Amino acid sequence: MPIRLKKLIGTVLLVALVIVYAVVATIVAVAQLSQSGPLVHLLFFLFSGLLWVLPAMGIIKWLIIEPRPKS
C-alpha cells in the first residue's frame, strides 16, 4: 500500500474515531449520569476522555509500521 494512501486512511480513521467516540460518550453521559453528582461527572469524563487514546494508539501504530519489502 502506498504510504500516502495509508496516511490518508489513518487520518480519516482517527477523525471518525474521535467524532464517533465523542458522540457515544455524550449519549452515555446524558442517559446515565443525569441524576449523578459533580464528582461522578468528573470521573466519567476524565475516564472517557482518556479512553479514546487506546484505539487511536492502534491506528497510529499501524501507520508507522514499515511496509514489508517485496521479494
PDB file of N, CA and C in Angstrom:
ATOM      1  N   MET A   1       0.853  -1.172   0.000  1.00  0.00           N
ATOM      2  CA  MET A   1       0.000   0.000   0.000  1.00  0.00           C
ATOM      3  C   MET A   1       0.904   1.241   0.000  1.00  0.00           C
ATOM      4  N   PRO A   2       0.638   2.177  -0.875  1.00  0.00           N
ATOM      5  CA  PRO A   2       1.439   3.412  -0.889  1.00  0.00           C
ATOM      6  C   PRO A   2       1.290   4.174   0.430  1.00  0.00           C
ATOM      7  N   ILE A   3       2.381   4.801   0.852  1.00  0.00           N
ATOM      8  CA  ILE A   3       2.402   5.477   2.150  1.00  0.00           C
ATOM      9  C   ILE A   3       1.391   6.626   2.206  1.00  0.00           C
ATOM     10  N   ARG A   4       1.199   7.328   1.092  1.00  0.00           N
ATOM     11  CA  ARG A   4       0.233   8.431   1.084  1.00  0.00           C
ATOM     12  C   ARG A   4      -1.188   7.929   1.305  1.00  0.00           C
ATOM     13  N   LEU A   5      -1.520   6.819   0.677  1.00  0.00           N
ATOM     14  CA  LEU A   5      -2.855   6.235   0.859  1.00  0.00           C
ATOM     15  C   LEU A   5      -3.035   5.751   2.291  1.00  0.00           C
ATOM     16  N   LYS A   6      -1.993   5.147   2.845  1.00  0.00           N
ATOM     17  CA  LYS A   6      -2.051   4.653   4.217  1.00  0.00           C
ATOM     18  C   LYS A   6      -2.257   5.814   5.189  1.00  0.00           C
ATOM     19  N   LYS A   7      -1.562   6.924   4.978  1.00  0.00           N
ATOM     20  CA  LYS A   7      -1.721   8.080   5.858  1.00  0.00           C
ATOM     21  C   LYS A   7      -3.098   8.721   5.701  1.00  0.00           C
ATOM     22  N   LEU A   8      -3.627   8.737   4.496  1.00  0.00           N
ATOM     23  CA  LEU A   8      -4.975   9.268   4.284  1.00  0.00           C
ATOM     24  C   LEU A   8      -6.004   8.411   5.016  1.00  0.00           C
ATOM     25  N   ILE A   9      -5.895   7.099   4.894  1.00  0.00           N
ATOM     26  CA  ILE A   9      -6.817   6.195   5.576  1.00  0.00           C
ATOM     27  C   ILE A   9      -6.698   6.356   7.087  1.00  0.00           C
ATOM     28  N   GLY A  10      -5.472   6.439   7.590  1.00  0.00           N
ATOM     29  CA  GLY A  10      -5.260   6.620   9.021  1.00  0.00           C
ATOM     30  C   GLY A  10      -5.840   7.919   9.536  1.00  0.00           C
ATOM     31  N   THR A  11      -5.683   8.990   8.778  1.00  0.00           N
ATOM     32  CA  THR A  11      -6.226  10.281   9.177  1.00  0.00           C
ATOM     33  C   THR A  11      -7.749  10.250   9.225  1.00  0.00           C
ATOM     34  N   VAL A  12      -8.359   9.662   8.208  1.00  0.00           N
ATOM     35  CA  VAL A  12      -9.820   9.556   8.179  1.00  0.00           C
ATOM     36  C   VAL A  12     -10.307   8.691   9.336  1.00  0.00           C
ATOM     37  N   LEU A  13      -9.600   7.599   9.617  1.00  0.00           N
ATOM     38  CA  LEU A  13      -9.985   6.738  10.738  1.00  0.00           C
ATOM     39  C   LEU A  13      -9.875   7.461  12.077  1.00  0.00           C
ATOM     40  N   LEU A  14      -8.815   8.230  12.271  1.00  0.00           N
ATOM     41  CA  LEU A  14      -8.652   8.965  13.531  1.00  0.00           C
ATOM     42  C   LEU A  14      -9.740  10.018  13.715  1.00  0.00           C
ATOM     43  N   VAL A  15     -10.052  10.749  12.665  1.00  0.00           N
ATOM     44  CA  VAL A  15     -11.106  11.764  12.764  1.00  0.00           C
ATOM     45  C   VAL A  15     -12.453  11.101  13.042  1.00  0.00           C
ATOM     46  N   ALA A  16     -12.740  10.009  12.332  1.00  0.00           N
ATOM     47  CA  ALA A  16     -14.002   9.299  12.554  1.00  0.00           C
ATOM     48  C   ALA A  16     -14.065   8.733  13.974  1.00  0.00           C
ATOM     49  N   LEU A  17     -12.955   8.203  14.470  1.00  0.00           N
ATOM     50  CA  LEU A  17     -12.906   7.678  15.836  1.00  0.00           C
ATOM     51  C   LEU A  17     -13.237   8.759  16.848  1.00  0.00           C
ATOM     52  N   VAL A  18     -12.636   9.919  16.714  1.00  0.00           N
ATOM     53  CA  VAL A  18     -12.867  10.998  17.675  1.00  0.00           C
ATOM     54  C   VAL A  18     -14.325  11.462  17.630  1.00  0.00           C
ATOM     55  N   ILE A  19     -14.875  11.611  16.447  1.00  0.00           N
ATOM     56  CA  ILE A  19     -16.259  12.076  16.324  1.00  0.00           C
ATOM     57  C   ILE A  19     -17.236  11.050  16.912  1.00  0.00           C
ATOM     58  N   VAL A  20     -17.089   9.783  16.508  1.00  0.00           N
ATOM     59  CA  VAL A  20     -17.999   8.741  16.992  1.00  0.00           C
ATOM     60  C   VAL A  20     -17.846   8.561  18.500  1.00  0.00           C
ATOM     61  N   TYR A  21     -16.619   8.572  18.985  1.00  0.00           N
ATOM     62  CA  TYR A  21     -16.381   8.379  20.414  1.00  0.00           C
ATOM     63  C   TYR A  21     -16.987   9.523  21.226  1.00  0.00           C
ATOM     64  N   ALA A  22     -16.837  10.743  20.748  1.00  0.00           N
ATOM     65  CA  ALA A  22     -17.399  11.892  21.468  1.00  0.00           C
ATOM     66  C   ALA A  22     -18.922  11.814  21.515  1.00  0.00           C
ATOM     67  N   VAL A  23     -19.534  11.440  20.419  1.00  0.00           N
ATOM     68  CA  VAL A  23     -20.994  11.329  20.385  1.00  0.00           C
ATOM     69  C   VAL A  23     -21.475  10.222  21.328  1.00  0.00           C
ATOM     70  N   VAL A  24     -20.814   9.069  21.284  1.00  0.00           N
ATOM     71  CA  VAL A  24     -21.218   7.956  22.153  1.00  0.00           C
ATOM     72  C   VAL A  24     -21.011   8.318  23.624  1.00  0.00           C
ATOM     73  N   ALA A  25     -19.883   8.928  23.960  1.00  0.00           N
ATOM     74  CA  ALA A  25     -19.631   9.312  25.354  1.00  0.00           C
ATOM     75  C   ALA A  25     -20.660  10.332  25.839  1.00  0.00           C
ATOM     76  N   THR A  26     -21.042  11.246  24.982  1.00  0.00           N
ATOM     77  CA  THR A  26     -22.051  12.238  25.360  1.00  0.00           C
ATOM     78  C   THR A  26     -23.418  11.594  25.548  1.00  0.00           C
ATOM     79  N   ILE A  27     -23.782  10.675  24.666  1.00  0.00           N
ATOM     80  CA  ILE A  27     -25.064   9.987  24.792  1.00  0.00           C
ATOM     81  C   ILE A  27     -25.113   9.184  26.088  1.00  0.00           C
ATOM     82  N   VAL A  28     -24.028   8.482  26.396  1.00  0.00           N
ATOM     83  CA  VAL A  28     -23.979   7.709  27.639  1.00  0.00           C
ATOM     84  C   VAL A  28     -24.072   8.642  28.841  1.00  0.00           C
ATOM     85  N   ALA A  29     -23.369   9.759  28.790  1.00  0.00           N
ATOM     86  CA  ALA A  29     -23.396  10.697  29.914  1.00  0.00           C
ATOM     87  C   ALA A  29     -24.791  11.269  30.126  1.00  0.00           C
ATOM     88  N   VAL A  30     -25.450  11.649  29.063  1.00  0.00           N
ATOM     89  CA  VAL A  30     -26.789  12.227  29.188  1.00  0.00           C
ATOM     90  C   VAL A  30     -27.786  11.177  29.678  1.00  0.00           C
ATOM     91  N   ALA A  31     -27.672   9.955  29.166  1.00  0.00           N
ATOM     92  CA  ALA A  31     -28.631   8.917  29.530  1.00  0.00           C
ATOM     93  C   ALA A  31     -28.402   8.362  30.936  1.00  0.00           C
ATOM     94  N   GLN A  32     -27.178   8.241  31.364  1.00  0.00           N
ATOM     95  CA  GLN A  32     -26.894   7.548  32.616  1.00  0.00           C
ATOM     96  C   GLN A  32     -26.525   8.470  33.782  1.00  0.00           C
ATOM     97  N   LEU A  33     -26.024   9.648  33.511  1.00  0.00           N
ATOM     98  CA  LEU A  33     -25.493  10.481  34.582  1.00  0.00           C
ATOM     99  C   LEU A  33     -26.362  11.692  34.916  1.00  0.00           C
ATOM    100  N   SER A  34     -27.592  11.698  34.477  1.00  0.00           N
ATOM    101  CA  SER A  34     -28.429  12.884  34.685  1.00  0.00           C
ATOM    102  C   SER A  34     -28.702  13.154  36.165  1.00  0.00           C
ATOM    103  N   GLN A  35     -28.767  12.127  36.972  1.00  0.00           N
ATOM    104  CA  GLN A  35     -29.065  12.311  38.394  1.00  0.00           C
ATOM    105  C   GLN A  35     -27.820  12.221  39.277  1.00  0.00           C
ATOM    106  N   SER A  36     -26.655  12.091  38.674  1.00  0.00           N
ATOM    107  CA  SER A  36     -25.425  11.921  39.441  1.00  0.00           C
ATOM    108  C   SER A  36     -24.839  13.263  39.849  1.00  0.00           C
ATOM    109  N   GLY A  37     -23.967  13.204  40.827  1.00  0.00           N
ATOM    110  CA  GLY A  37     -23.329  14.407  41.328  1.00  0.00           C
ATOM    111  C   GLY A  37     -22.138  14.834  40.481  1.00  0.00           C
ATOM    112  N   PRO A  38     -21.558  15.975  40.819  1.00  0.00           N
ATOM    113  CA  PRO A  38     -20.443  16.511  40.022  1.00  0.00           C
ATOM    114  C   PRO A  38     -19.190  15.634  40.076  1.00  0.00           C
ATOM    115  N   LEU A  39     -18.956  14.934  41.164  1.00  0.00           N
ATOM    116  CA  LEU A  39     -17.780  14.077  41.244  1.00  0.00           C
ATOM    117  C   LEU A  39     -17.892  12.901  40.272  1.00  0.00           C
ATOM    118  N   VAL A  40     -19.077  12.327  40.163  1.00  0.00           N
ATOM    119  CA  VAL A  40     -19.297  11.234  39.213  1.00  0.00           C
ATOM    120  C   VAL A  40     -19.118  11.735  37.790  1.00  0.00           C
ATOM    121  N   HIS A  41     -19.610  12.930  37.491  1.00  0.00           N
ATOM    122  CA  HIS A  41     -19.416  13.519  36.160  1.00  0.00           C
ATOM    123  C   HIS A  41     -17.942  13.723  35.869  1.00  0.00           C
ATOM    124  N   LEU A  42     -17.219  14.256  36.840  1.00  0.00           N
ATOM    125  CA  LEU A  42     -15.786  14.489  36.661  1.00  0.00           C
ATOM    126  C   LEU A  42     -15.065  13.178  36.383  1.00  0.00           C
ATOM    127  N   LEU A  43     -15.351  12.157  37.158  1.00  0.00           N
ATOM    128  CA  LEU A  43     -14.688  10.866  36.963  1.00  0.00           C
ATOM    129  C   LEU A  43     -15.051  10.243  35.618  1.00  0.00           C
ATOM    130  N   PHE A  44     -16.315  10.328  35.236  1.00  0.00           N
ATOM    131  CA  PHE A  44     -16.732   9.761  33.951  1.00  0.00           C
ATOM    132  C   PHE A  44     -16.031  10.459  32.798  1.00  0.00           C
ATOM    133  N   PHE A  45     -16.043  11.775  32.792  1.00  0.00           N
ATOM    134  CA  PHE A  45     -15.441  12.486  31.671  1.00  0.00           C
ATOM    135  C   PHE A  45     -13.918  12.396  31.682  1.00  0.00           C
ATOM    136  N   LEU A  46     -13.320  12.260  32.845  1.00  0.00           N
ATOM    137  CA  LEU A  46     -11.884  12.039  32.916  1.00  0.00           C
ATOM    138  C   LEU A  46     -11.536  10.677  32.321  1.00  0.00           C
ATOM    139  N   PHE A  47     -12.271   9.654  32.736  1.00  0.00           N
ATOM    140  CA  PHE A  47     -12.029   8.303  32.229  1.00  0.00           C
ATOM    141  C   PHE A  47     -12.337   8.206  30.732  1.00  0.00           C
ATOM    142  N   SER A  48     -13.489   8.703  30.325  1.00  0.00           N
ATOM    143  CA  SER A  48     -13.857   8.590  28.912  1.00  0.00           C
ATOM    144  C   SER A  48     -12.997   9.506  28.035  1.00  0.00           C
ATOM    145  N   GLY A  49     -12.504  10.582  28.606  1.00  0.00           N
ATOM    146  CA  GLY A  49     -11.619  11.461  27.849  1.00  0.00           C
ATOM    147  C   GLY A  49     -10.258  10.849  27.590  1.00  0.00           C
ATOM    148  N   LEU A  50      -9.845   9.925  28.432  1.00  0.00           N
ATOM    149  CA  LEU A  50      -8.566   9.253  28.240  1.00  0.00           C
ATOM    150  C   LEU A  50      -8.702   7.923  27.504  1.00  0.00           C
ATOM    151  N   LEU A  51      -9.872   7.332  27.520  1.00  0.00           N
ATOM    152  CA  LEU A  51     -10.067   6.003  26.957  1.00  0.00           C
ATOM    153  C   LEU A  51      -9.937   5.959  25.430  1.00  0.00           C
ATOM    154  N   TRP A  52     -10.236   7.054  24.742  1.00  0.00           N
ATOM    155  CA  TRP A  52     -10.161   7.050  23.281  1.00  0.00           C
ATOM    156  C   TRP A  52      -8.730   6.903  22.785  1.00  0.00           C
ATOM    157  N   VAL A  53      -7.766   7.137  23.666  1.00  0.00           N
ATOM    158  CA  VAL A  53      -6.362   7.063  23.270  1.00  0.00           C
ATOM    159  C   VAL A  53      -5.979   5.632  22.887  1.00  0.00           C
ATOM    160  N   LEU A  54      -6.567   4.624  23.509  1.00  0.00           N
ATOM    161  CA  LEU A  54      -6.203   3.235  23.222  1.00  0.00           C
ATOM    162  C   LEU A  54      -6.458   2.844  21.762  1.00  0.00           C
ATOM    163  N   PRO A  55      -7.662   3.051  21.212  1.00  0.00           N
ATOM    164  CA  PRO A  55      -7.828   2.722  19.794  1.00  0.00           C
ATOM    165  C   PRO A  55      -7.029   3.653  18.882  1.00  0.00           C
ATOM    166  N   ALA A  56      -6.837   4.904  19.305  1.00  0.00           N
ATOM    167  CA  ALA A  56      -6.034   5.824  18.494  1.00  0.00           C
ATOM    168  C   ALA A  56      -4.581   5.355  18.422  1.00  0.00           C
ATOM    169  N   MET A  57      -4.075   4.794  19.521  1.00  0.00           N
ATOM    170  CA  MET A  57      -2.707   4.274  19.505  1.00  0.00           C
ATOM    171  C   MET A  57      -2.578   3.115  18.524  1.00  0.00           C
ATOM    172  N   GLY A  58      -3.591   2.283  18.442  1.00  0.00           N
ATOM    173  CA  GLY A  58      -3.565   1.179  17.475  1.00  0.00           C
ATOM    174  C   GLY A  58      -3.515   1.684  16.042  1.00  0.00           C
ATOM    175  N   ILE A  59      -4.289   2.713  15.746  1.00  0.00           N
ATOM    176  CA  ILE A  59      -4.280   3.284  14.394  1.00  0.00           C
ATOM    177  C   ILE A  59      -2.926   3.908  14.094  1.00  0.00           C
ATOM    178  N   ILE A  60      -2.382   4.642  15.045  1.00  0.00           N
ATOM    179  CA  ILE A  60      -1.083   5.294  14.830  1.00  0.00           C
ATOM    180  C   ILE A  60       0.020   4.252  14.694  1.00  0.00           C
ATOM    181  N   LYS A  61      -0.041   3.177  15.477  1.00  0.00           N
ATOM    182  CA  LYS A  61       0.954   2.113  15.355  1.00  0.00           C
ATOM    183  C   LYS A  61       0.886   1.486  13.968  1.00  0.00           C
ATOM    184  N   TRP A  62      -0.333   1.286  13.451  1.00  0.00           N
ATOM    185  CA  TRP A  62      -0.491   0.756  12.100  1.00  0.00           C
ATOM    186  C   TRP A  62       0.113   1.715  11.073  1.00  0.00           C
ATOM    187  N   LEU A  63      -0.012   3.011  11.319  1.00  0.00           N
ATOM    188  CA  LEU A  63       0.520   3.995  10.377  1.00  0.00           C
ATOM    189  C   LEU A  63       2.037   3.974  10.299  1.00  0.00           C
ATOM    190  N   ILE A  64       2.710   3.719  11.404  1.00  0.00           N
ATOM    191  CA  ILE A  64       4.165   3.826  11.394  1.00  0.00           C
ATOM    192  C   ILE A  64       4.874   2.507  11.082  1.00  0.00           C
ATOM    193  N   ILE A  65       4.124   1.429  10.966  1.00  0.00           N
ATOM    194  CA  ILE A  65       4.751   0.137  10.608  1.00  0.00           C
ATOM    195  C   ILE A  65       5.291   0.238   9.181  1.00  0.00           C
ATOM    196  N   GLU A  66       6.540  -0.148   9.039  1.00  0.00           N
ATOM    197  CA  GLU A  66       7.173  -0.139   7.723  1.00  0.00           C
ATOM    198  C   GLU A  66       6.571  -1.222   6.840  1.00  0.00           C
ATOM    199  N   PRO A  67       6.383  -0.918   5.565  1.00  0.00           N
ATOM    200  CA  PRO A  67       5.867  -1.967   4.668  1.00  0.00           C
ATOM    201  C   PRO A  67       6.908  -3.064   4.473  1.00  0.00           C
ATOM    202  N   ARG A  68       6.427  -4.289   4.269  1.00  0.00           N
ATOM    203  CA  ARG A  68       7.325  -5.414   4.041  1.00  0.00           C
ATOM    204  C   ARG A  68       8.020  -5.256   2.690  1.00  0.00           C
ATOM    205  N   PRO A  69       9.301  -5.575   2.640  1.00  0.00           N
ATOM    206  CA  PRO A  69       9.976  -5.486   1.341  1.00  0.00           C
ATOM    207  C   PRO A  69       9.442  -6.550   0.374  1.00  0.00           C
ATOM    208  N   LYS A  70       9.345  -6.158  -0.877  1.00  0.00           N
ATOM    209  CA  LYS A  70       8.850  -7.096  -1.894  1.00  0.00           C
ATOM    210  C   LYS A  70       9.958  -8.053  -2.276  1.00  0.00           C
ATOM    211  N   SER A  71       9.603  -9.328  -2.327  1.00  0.00           N
ATOM    212  CA  SER A  71      10.617 -10.353  -2.647  1.00  0.00           C
ATOM    213  C   SER A  71      10.641 -10.634  -4.121  1.00  0.00           C
TER     214      SER A  71
END
